[in-house]
PDB file of N, CA and C in Angstrom:
ATOM      1  N   MET A   1      -7.789  20.905  20.014  1.00  0.00           N
ATOM      2  CA  MET A   1      -7.832  21.281  18.392  1.00  0.00           C
ATOM      3  C   MET A   1      -6.652  20.686  17.101  1.00  0.00           C
ATOM      4  N   ASP A   2      -6.988  19.618  16.902  1.00  0.00           N
ATOM      5  CA  ASP A   2      -5.361  19.330  15.753  1.00  0.00           C
ATOM      6  C   ASP A   2      -5.292  19.801  15.750  1.00  0.00           C
ATOM      7  N   THR A   3      -3.783  19.548  14.860  1.00  0.00           N
ATOM      8  CA  THR A   3      -2.874  20.546  14.056  1.00  0.00           C
ATOM      9  C   THR A   3      -3.447  20.828  13.020  1.00  0.00           C
ATOM     10  N   LYS A   4      -3.753  19.777  11.501  1.00  0.00           N
ATOM     11  CA  LYS A   4      -3.859  20.166  10.633  1.00  0.00           C
ATOM     12  C   LYS A   4      -5.494  21.487  11.373  1.00  0.00           C
ATOM     13  N   LYS A   5      -5.966  21.560  11.989  1.00  0.00           N
ATOM     14  CA  LYS A   5      -8.174  22.248  11.802  1.00  0.00           C
ATOM     15  C   LYS A   5      -6.916  23.468  11.915  1.00  0.00           C
ATOM     16  N   ARG A   6      -5.756  23.408  13.241  1.00  0.00           N
ATOM     17  CA  ARG A   6      -4.894  24.187  13.939  1.00  0.00           C
ATOM     18  C   ARG A   6      -4.527  25.329  12.149  1.00  0.00           C
ATOM     19  N   ALA A   7      -4.001  24.572  11.324  1.00  0.00           N
ATOM     20  CA  ALA A   7      -2.787  24.881  10.403  1.00  0.00           C
ATOM     21  C   ALA A   7      -3.789  25.481   9.297  1.00  0.00           C
ATOM     22  N   THR A   8      -5.736  25.100   9.345  1.00  0.00           N
ATOM     23  CA  THR A   8      -6.175  25.399   8.638  1.00  0.00           C
ATOM     24  C   THR A   8      -6.893  26.797   9.002  1.00  0.00           C
ATOM     25  N   LEU A   9      -7.654  26.702   9.693  1.00  0.00           N
ATOM     26  CA  LEU A   9      -7.640  28.259  10.593  1.00  0.00           C
ATOM     27  C   LEU A   9      -6.905  29.157  10.409  1.00  0.00           C
ATOM     28  N   VAL A  10      -5.472  28.987  10.300  1.00  0.00           N
ATOM     29  CA  VAL A  10      -3.962  29.995  10.175  1.00  0.00           C
ATOM     30  C   VAL A  10      -4.345  30.290   9.554  1.00  0.00           C
ATOM     31  N   ALA A  11      -4.673  29.357   8.314  1.00  0.00           N
ATOM     32  CA  ALA A  11      -4.096  30.181   7.232  1.00  0.00           C
ATOM     33  C   ALA A  11      -5.260  30.539   6.457  1.00  0.00           C
ATOM     34  N   SER A  12      -7.121  30.338   6.866  1.00  0.00           N
ATOM     35  CA  SER A  12      -7.934  30.720   6.489  1.00  0.00           C
ATOM     36  C   SER A  12      -7.278  32.659   7.051  1.00  0.00           C
ATOM     37  N   ALA A  13      -7.184  33.137   8.253  1.00  0.00           N
ATOM     38  CA  ALA A  13      -7.441  33.931   8.966  1.00  0.00           C
ATOM     39  C   ALA A  13      -6.132  34.789   8.176  1.00  0.00           C
ATOM     40  N   MET A  14      -4.680  34.000   7.890  1.00  0.00           N
ATOM     41  CA  MET A  14      -4.241  34.978   6.804  1.00  0.00           C
ATOM     42  C   MET A  14      -4.789  34.818   5.584  1.00  0.00           C
ATOM     43  N   ALA A  15      -5.376  35.101   4.512  1.00  0.00           N
ATOM     44  CA  ALA A  15      -5.649  34.555   3.066  1.00  0.00           C
ATOM     45  C   ALA A  15      -6.998  35.890   3.494  1.00  0.00           C
ATOM     46  N   GLY A  16      -7.713  35.879   4.613  1.00  0.00           N
ATOM     47  CA  GLY A  16      -8.816  37.028   5.042  1.00  0.00           C
ATOM     48  C   GLY A  16      -7.924  38.388   4.978  1.00  0.00           C
ATOM     49  N   ALA A  17      -7.024  38.347   6.091  1.00  0.00           N
ATOM     50  CA  ALA A  17      -5.972  39.905   6.405  1.00  0.00           C
ATOM     51  C   ALA A  17      -5.478  39.893   4.896  1.00  0.00           C
ATOM     52  N   LEU A  18      -5.069  39.323   4.331  1.00  0.00           N
ATOM     53  CA  LEU A  18      -4.541  39.985   3.191  1.00  0.00           C
ATOM     54  C   LEU A  18      -4.843  40.526   2.073  1.00  0.00           C
ATOM     55  N   ALA A  19      -6.722  39.865   1.865  1.00  0.00           N
ATOM     56  CA  ALA A  19      -7.425  40.233   0.841  1.00  0.00           C
ATOM     57  C   ALA A  19      -7.867  41.956   1.823  1.00  0.00           C
ATOM     58  N   VAL A  20      -7.536  41.886   2.713  1.00  0.00           N
ATOM     59  CA  VAL A  20      -8.531  42.674   3.366  1.00  0.00           C
ATOM     60  C   VAL A  20      -7.341  43.935   3.565  1.00  0.00           C
ATOM     61  N   ALA A  21      -6.022  43.839   3.919  1.00  0.00           N
ATOM     62  CA  ALA A  21      -4.703  44.638   3.396  1.00  0.00           C
ATOM     63  C   ALA A  21      -4.815  45.931   2.227  1.00  0.00           C
ATOM     64  N   ALA A  22      -5.567  44.151   0.909  1.00  0.00           N
ATOM     65  CA  ALA A  22      -5.764  45.556  -0.372  1.00  0.00           C
ATOM     66  C   ALA A  22      -6.288  45.845  -0.553  1.00  0.00           C
ATOM     67  N   LEU A  23      -7.801  46.204   0.359  1.00  0.00           N
ATOM     68  CA  LEU A  23      -8.559  47.466   0.177  1.00  0.00           C
ATOM     69  C   LEU A  23      -7.978  48.558   1.162  1.00  0.00           C
ATOM     70  N   ALA A  24      -7.115  48.441   2.039  1.00  0.00           N
ATOM     71  CA  ALA A  24      -6.468  49.582   2.944  1.00  0.00           C
ATOM     72  C   ALA A  24      -5.454  50.526   2.128  1.00  0.00           C
ATOM     73  N   ALA A  25      -5.375  51.912   1.893  1.00  0.00           N
ATOM     74  CA  ALA A  25      -4.171  52.053   1.179  1.00  0.00           C
ATOM     75  C   ALA A  25      -3.144  52.324   2.709  1.00  0.00           C
ATOM     76  N   PRO A  26      -2.078  51.962   1.331  1.00  0.00           N
ATOM     77  CA  PRO A  26      -0.268  51.608   1.638  1.00  0.00           C
ATOM     78  C   PRO A  26       0.022  52.263   3.048  1.00  0.00           C
ATOM     79  N   GLY A  27       0.433  52.058   3.576  1.00  0.00           N
ATOM     80  CA  GLY A  27       0.881  52.844   4.669  1.00  0.00           C
ATOM     81  C   GLY A  27       0.259  53.984   5.790  1.00  0.00           C
ATOM     82  N   GLN A  28      -1.183  53.631   5.957  1.00  0.00           N
ATOM     83  CA  GLN A  28      -2.418  53.995   6.756  1.00  0.00           C
ATOM     84  C   GLN A  28      -3.366  52.836   6.952  1.00  0.00           C
ATOM     85  N   ALA A  29      -2.607  53.240   9.037  1.00  0.00           N
ATOM     86  CA  ALA A  29      -3.368  52.215   9.630  1.00  0.00           C
ATOM     87  C   ALA A  29      -4.686  52.688   9.745  1.00  0.00           C
ATOM     88  N   GLN A  30      -5.652  51.778   9.488  1.00  0.00           N
ATOM     89  CA  GLN A  30      -6.804  52.682   9.967  1.00  0.00           C
ATOM     90  C   GLN A  30      -8.293  51.256   9.899  1.00  0.00           C
ATOM     91  N   GLU A  31      -9.558  51.588  11.223  1.00  0.00           N
ATOM     92  CA  GLU A  31     -10.558  50.999  11.603  1.00  0.00           C
ATOM     93  C   GLU A  31     -10.948  50.252  10.009  1.00  0.00           C
ATOM     94  N   LEU A  32     -11.430  49.401   9.629  1.00  0.00           N
ATOM     95  CA  LEU A  32     -11.957  48.735   9.205  1.00  0.00           C
ATOM     96  C   LEU A  32     -13.332  48.073   9.884  1.00  0.00           C
ATOM     97  N   GLU A  33     -14.191  48.149   9.614  1.00  0.00           N
ATOM     98  CA  GLU A  33     -16.008  47.798  10.310  1.00  0.00           C
ATOM     99  C   GLU A  33     -15.492  45.649  10.160  1.00  0.00           C
ATOM    100  N   GLY A  34     -15.000  45.348  11.193  1.00  0.00           N
ATOM    101  CA  GLY A  34     -16.192  43.416  11.421  1.00  0.00           C
ATOM    102  C   GLY A  34     -14.046  43.155  11.350  1.00  0.00           C
ATOM    103  N   PHE A  35     -13.328  43.626  11.723  1.00  0.00           N
ATOM    104  CA  PHE A  35     -11.680  43.382  11.303  1.00  0.00           C
ATOM    105  C   PHE A  35     -11.247  44.109  12.642  1.00  0.00           C
ATOM    106  N   GLU A  36     -10.562  43.416  13.210  1.00  0.00           N
ATOM    107  CA  GLU A  36      -9.908  44.220  14.213  1.00  0.00           C
ATOM    108  C   GLU A  36      -7.586  43.797  14.156  1.00  0.00           C
ATOM    109  N   GLN A  37      -7.066  44.867  14.622  1.00  0.00           N
ATOM    110  CA  GLN A  37      -5.729  44.430  14.418  1.00  0.00           C
ATOM    111  C   GLN A  37      -4.689  42.999  14.988  1.00  0.00           C
ATOM    112  N   CYS A  38      -4.332  42.662  15.092  1.00  0.00           N
ATOM    113  CA  CYS A  38      -3.949  40.954  15.592  1.00  0.00           C
ATOM    114  C   CYS A  38      -2.392  41.002  15.285  1.00  0.00           C
ATOM    115  N   TYR A  39      -1.996  41.338  16.348  1.00  0.00           N
ATOM    116  CA  TYR A  39      -0.410  41.511  17.163  1.00  0.00           C
ATOM    117  C   TYR A  39       0.012  40.285  16.864  1.00  0.00           C
ATOM    118  N   GLY A  40       0.902  39.851  16.641  1.00  0.00           N
ATOM    119  CA  GLY A  40       1.929  38.405  17.232  1.00  0.00           C
ATOM    120  C   GLY A  40       2.198  37.432  15.995  1.00  0.00           C
ATOM    121  N   VAL A  41       1.364  37.709  15.059  1.00  0.00           N
ATOM    122  CA  VAL A  41       1.233  36.031  13.843  1.00  0.00           C
ATOM    123  C   VAL A  41       1.533  37.065  12.599  1.00  0.00           C
ATOM    124  N   ALA A  42       1.302  38.334  12.293  1.00  0.00           N
ATOM    125  CA  ALA A  42       2.421  38.758  11.409  1.00  0.00           C
ATOM    126  C   ALA A  42       3.264  37.412  10.285  1.00  0.00           C
ATOM    127  N   LEU A  43       3.829  37.330   9.482  1.00  0.00           N
ATOM    128  CA  LEU A  43       4.926  36.551   9.190  1.00  0.00           C
ATOM    129  C   LEU A  43       5.876  38.043   8.470  1.00  0.00           C
ATOM    130  N   ALA A  44       7.220  37.641   8.561  1.00  0.00           N
ATOM    131  CA  ALA A  44       7.980  38.668   7.979  1.00  0.00           C
ATOM    132  C   ALA A  44       7.757  39.184   6.366  1.00  0.00           C
ATOM    133  N   GLY A  45       7.276  40.243   5.880  1.00  0.00           N
ATOM    134  CA  GLY A  45       7.111  41.512   5.469  1.00  0.00           C
ATOM    135  C   GLY A  45       5.817  41.085   5.157  1.00  0.00           C
ATOM    136  N   GLN A  46       4.871  41.055   5.850  1.00  0.00           N
ATOM    137  CA  GLN A  46       3.013  40.256   5.504  1.00  0.00           C
ATOM    138  C   GLN A  46       2.743  41.449   6.471  1.00  0.00           C
ATOM    139  N   ASN A  47       3.267  42.339   7.254  1.00  0.00           N
ATOM    140  CA  ASN A  47       2.355  42.991   8.051  1.00  0.00           C
ATOM    141  C   ASN A  47       1.230  43.843   7.599  1.00  0.00           C
ATOM    142  N   ASP A  48       0.144  44.473   7.319  1.00  0.00           N
ATOM    143  CA  ASP A  48      -0.342  45.153   7.078  1.00  0.00           C
ATOM    144  C   ASP A  48       0.114  46.803   7.636  1.00  0.00           C
ATOM    145  N   CYS A  49       0.858  47.454   8.465  1.00  0.00           N
ATOM    146  CA  CYS A  49       1.044  49.038   8.217  1.00  0.00           C
ATOM    147  C   CYS A  49       2.003  48.771   9.117  1.00  0.00           C
ATOM    148  N   ALA A  50       2.558  50.157  10.134  1.00  0.00           N
ATOM    149  CA  ALA A  50       3.633  49.880  11.034  1.00  0.00           C
ATOM    150  C   ALA A  50       3.597  50.223  11.800  1.00  0.00           C
ATOM    151  N   ASN A  51       4.812  49.452  12.241  1.00  0.00           N
ATOM    152  CA  ASN A  51       5.534  48.659  13.678  1.00  0.00           C
ATOM    153  C   ASN A  51       4.500  49.720  15.044  1.00  0.00           C
ATOM    154  N   ALA A  52       4.438  49.036  16.093  1.00  0.00           N
ATOM    155  CA  ALA A  52       4.091  50.224  17.297  1.00  0.00           C
ATOM    156  C   ALA A  52       5.194  50.576  17.878  1.00  0.00           C
ATOM    157  N   ALA A  53       5.890  50.383  17.760  1.00  0.00           N
ATOM    158  CA  ALA A  53       7.446  51.085  18.406  1.00  0.00           C
ATOM    159  C   ALA A  53       8.360  51.961  17.773  1.00  0.00           C
ATOM    160  N   GLY A  54       7.430  51.951  16.631  1.00  0.00           N
ATOM    161  CA  GLY A  54       7.728  52.608  14.777  1.00  0.00           C
ATOM    162  C   GLY A  54       9.193  51.937  14.204  1.00  0.00           C
ATOM    163  N   THR A  55       9.878  51.116  14.757  1.00  0.00           N
ATOM    164  CA  THR A  55      10.384  50.857  14.020  1.00  0.00           C
ATOM    165  C   THR A  55      10.653  50.629  12.585  1.00  0.00           C
ATOM    166  N   HIS A  56       9.745  50.373  12.370  1.00  0.00           N
ATOM    167  CA  HIS A  56       9.086  51.163  10.827  1.00  0.00           C
ATOM    168  C   HIS A  56       7.501  51.305  10.717  1.00  0.00           C
ATOM    169  N   SER A  57       7.620  52.414   9.391  1.00  0.00           N
ATOM    170  CA  SER A  57       5.939  52.869   9.627  1.00  0.00           C
ATOM    171  C   SER A  57       5.760  52.255   8.112  1.00  0.00           C
ATOM    172  N   CYS A  58       5.403  51.645   8.209  1.00  0.00           N
ATOM    173  CA  CYS A  58       4.422  50.964   6.188  1.00  0.00           C
ATOM    174  C   CYS A  58       4.594  49.196   6.023  1.00  0.00           C
ATOM    175  N   ALA A  59       3.240  48.523   5.809  1.00  0.00           N
ATOM    176  CA  ALA A  59       3.114  47.702   5.554  1.00  0.00           C
ATOM    177  C   ALA A  59       3.831  46.946   4.692  1.00  0.00           C
ATOM    178  N   GLY A  60       3.913  45.276   5.160  1.00  0.00           N
ATOM    179  CA  GLY A  60       4.978  44.879   4.537  1.00  0.00           C
ATOM    180  C   GLY A  60       6.836  45.001   4.769  1.00  0.00           C
ATOM    181  N   GLN A  61       7.593  46.150   6.046  1.00  0.00           N
ATOM    182  CA  GLN A  61       8.253  45.722   6.311  1.00  0.00           C
ATOM    183  C   GLN A  61       8.932  45.615   7.884  1.00  0.00           C
ATOM    184  N   SER A  62       7.646  44.844   8.076  1.00  0.00           N
ATOM    185  CA  SER A  62       8.686  43.393   9.040  1.00  0.00           C
ATOM    186  C   SER A  62       9.754  42.768   8.711  1.00  0.00           C
ATOM    187  N   THR A  63      10.353  41.981   9.543  1.00  0.00           N
ATOM    188  CA  THR A  63      11.865  41.842   9.411  1.00  0.00           C
ATOM    189  C   THR A  63      11.668  39.701  10.330  1.00  0.00           C
ATOM    190  N   VAL A  64      10.225  39.958  11.294  1.00  0.00           N
ATOM    191  CA  VAL A  64      10.847  38.341  11.108  1.00  0.00           C
ATOM    192  C   VAL A  64       9.119  37.893  11.396  1.00  0.00           C
ATOM    193  N   ASP A  65       8.910  37.051  11.855  1.00  0.00           N
ATOM    194  CA  ASP A  65       7.067  36.008  12.048  1.00  0.00           C
ATOM    195  C   ASP A  65       7.351  35.851  13.059  1.00  0.00           C
ATOM    196  N   GLY A  66       5.924  36.660  13.331  1.00  0.00           N
ATOM    197  CA  GLY A  66       5.735  37.037  15.229  1.00  0.00           C
ATOM    198  C   GLY A  66       5.808  38.078  15.733  1.00  0.00           C
ATOM    199  N   HIS A  67       6.815  39.077  14.820  1.00  0.00           N
ATOM    200  CA  HIS A  67       6.677  39.828  16.539  1.00  0.00           C
ATOM    201  C   HIS A  67       5.404  40.680  16.909  1.00  0.00           C
ATOM    202  N   GLY A  68       5.863  40.531  18.278  1.00  0.00           N
ATOM    203  CA  GLY A  68       4.728  41.481  19.163  1.00  0.00           C
ATOM    204  C   GLY A  68       4.244  43.115  18.779  1.00  0.00           C
ATOM    205  N   GLY A  69       5.159  43.133  17.727  1.00  0.00           N
ATOM    206  CA  GLY A  69       4.601  45.127  17.960  1.00  0.00           C
ATOM    207  C   GLY A  69       4.172  45.314  16.029  1.00  0.00           C
ATOM    208  N   ASP A  70       3.911  43.575  15.009  1.00  0.00           N
ATOM    209  CA  ASP A  70       3.864  43.940  13.946  1.00  0.00           C
ATOM    210  C   ASP A  70       2.545  42.964  14.012  1.00  0.00           C
ATOM    211  N   TRP A  71       1.668  43.544  12.866  1.00  0.00           N
ATOM    212  CA  TRP A  71       0.461  43.880  12.901  1.00  0.00           C
ATOM    213  C   TRP A  71      -0.325  43.005  11.473  1.00  0.00           C
ATOM    214  N   ILE A  72      -2.316  42.669  11.084  1.00  0.00           N
ATOM    215  CA  ILE A  72      -2.250  42.360  10.958  1.00  0.00           C
ATOM    216  C   ILE A  72      -3.579  42.073  10.874  1.00  0.00           C
ATOM    217  N   TYR A  73      -4.997  42.787   9.691  1.00  0.00           N
ATOM    218  CA  TYR A  73      -5.978  42.422   9.798  1.00  0.00           C
ATOM    219  C   TYR A  73      -6.693  41.162   9.891  1.00  0.00           C
ATOM    220  N   VAL A  74      -7.628  40.671  11.317  1.00  0.00           N
ATOM    221  CA  VAL A  74      -8.002  40.089  11.112  1.00  0.00           C
ATOM    222  C   VAL A  74      -9.615  40.013  11.471  1.00  0.00           C
ATOM    223  N   PRO A  75     -10.700  38.637  10.864  1.00  0.00           N
ATOM    224  CA  PRO A  75     -12.299  39.189  11.243  1.00  0.00           C
ATOM    225  C   PRO A  75     -11.524  39.213  12.720  1.00  0.00           C
ATOM    226  N   THR A  76     -12.860  39.990  13.106  1.00  0.00           N
ATOM    227  CA  THR A  76     -13.459  40.509  15.073  1.00  0.00           C
ATOM    228  C   THR A  76     -13.537  38.599  15.177  1.00  0.00           C
ATOM    229  N   GLY A  77     -12.770  38.684  16.728  1.00  0.00           N
ATOM    230  CA  GLY A  77     -12.990  37.739  17.642  1.00  0.00           C
ATOM    231  C   GLY A  77     -12.400  36.132  16.468  1.00  0.00           C
ATOM    232  N   THR A  78     -11.120  36.273  15.897  1.00  0.00           N
ATOM    233  CA  THR A  78     -10.104  35.759  15.357  1.00  0.00           C
ATOM    234  C   THR A  78      -9.062  35.411  15.789  1.00  0.00           C
ATOM    235  N   CYS A  79      -8.912  37.316  16.570  1.00  0.00           N
ATOM    236  CA  CYS A  79      -7.252  36.788  17.079  1.00  0.00           C
ATOM    237  C   CYS A  79      -6.540  36.274  17.425  1.00  0.00           C
ATOM    238  N   GLU A  80      -7.831  35.943  18.670  1.00  0.00           N
ATOM    239  CA  GLU A  80      -6.750  35.319  19.911  1.00  0.00           C
ATOM    240  C   GLU A  80      -7.744  33.920  20.106  1.00  0.00           C
ATOM    241  N   ARG A  81      -8.025  33.469  19.235  1.00  0.00           N
ATOM    242  CA  ARG A  81      -7.809  31.932  18.944  1.00  0.00           C
ATOM    243  C   ARG A  81      -6.613  32.188  18.507  1.00  0.00           C
ATOM    244  N   LEU A  82      -6.084  32.007  17.489  1.00  0.00           N
ATOM    245  CA  LEU A  82      -4.264  31.703  17.058  1.00  0.00           C
ATOM    246  C   LEU A  82      -3.442  32.254  17.529  1.00  0.00           C
ATOM    247  N   VAL A  83      -2.902  31.178  17.449  1.00  0.00           N
ATOM    248  CA  VAL A  83      -0.838  31.248  18.096  1.00  0.00           C
ATOM    249  C   VAL A  83      -0.197  32.388  18.482  1.00  0.00           C
ATOM    250  N   ASN A  84      -0.256  33.203  19.988  1.00  0.00           N
ATOM    251  CA  ASN A  84       0.830  33.683  19.898  1.00  0.00           C
ATOM    252  C   ASN A  84      -0.344  35.405  19.321  1.00  0.00           C
ATOM    253  N   GLY A  85      -1.447  35.303  19.037  1.00  0.00           N
ATOM    254  CA  GLY A  85      -2.562  36.482  18.547  1.00  0.00           C
ATOM    255  C   GLY A  85      -2.258  37.719  19.598  1.00  0.00           C
ATOM    256  N   THR A  86      -2.747  38.464  19.946  1.00  0.00           N
ATOM    257  CA  THR A  86      -2.882  39.383  20.852  1.00  0.00           C
ATOM    258  C   THR A  86      -3.220  40.259  20.047  1.00  0.00           C
ATOM    259  N   LEU A  87      -4.510  41.542  20.802  1.00  0.00           N
ATOM    260  CA  LEU A  87      -4.961  42.291  20.805  1.00  0.00           C
ATOM    261  C   LEU A  87      -4.247  43.697  20.907  1.00  0.00           C
ATOM    262  N   GLU A  88      -3.350  43.166  21.676  1.00  0.00           N
ATOM    263  CA  GLU A  88      -2.329  44.387  22.218  1.00  0.00           C
ATOM    264  C   GLU A  88      -0.544  44.628  22.218  1.00  0.00           C
ATOM    265  N   PRO A  89       0.244  45.857  21.570  1.00  0.00           N
ATOM    266  CA  PRO A  89       0.966  44.933  21.490  1.00  0.00           C
ATOM    267  C   PRO A  89       2.141  44.435  22.448  1.00  0.00           C
ATOM    268  N   SER A  90       3.511  43.496  21.693  1.00  0.00           N
ATOM    269  CA  SER A  90       3.999  43.305  22.818  1.00  0.00           C
ATOM    270  C   SER A  90       5.614  43.640  22.351  1.00  0.00           C
ATOM    271  N   GLU A  91       6.546  43.062  23.630  1.00  0.00           N
ATOM    272  CA  GLU A  91       8.033  43.326  22.541  1.00  0.00           C
ATOM    273  C   GLU A  91       8.053  44.273  21.952  1.00  0.00           C
ATOM    274  N   VAL A  92       7.724  45.634  22.390  1.00  0.00           N
ATOM    275  CA  VAL A  92       8.214  46.626  21.857  1.00  0.00           C
ATOM    276  C   VAL A  92       9.092  47.272  22.290  1.00  0.00           C
TER     277      VAL A  92
END
């Protein structure tokens, strides 16, 4: 996949995740039909909810890009196609 297509895919996933985050109650992890929690791709301050290690307990509190313990919602089947995306937390 070329760089431009990859950037478009990542941007689309992030936009979708941010739209879904607006639907979720602040500070609460909940399952949303058609979406999965994707670890390792959230930008600093853009995570959807608590860190897997418990280092913070609310959305928007991540401090580094791509931390393996922070997650965002992405459409089901998208996560593992993203660079560093995984369905299980790491670096916790």
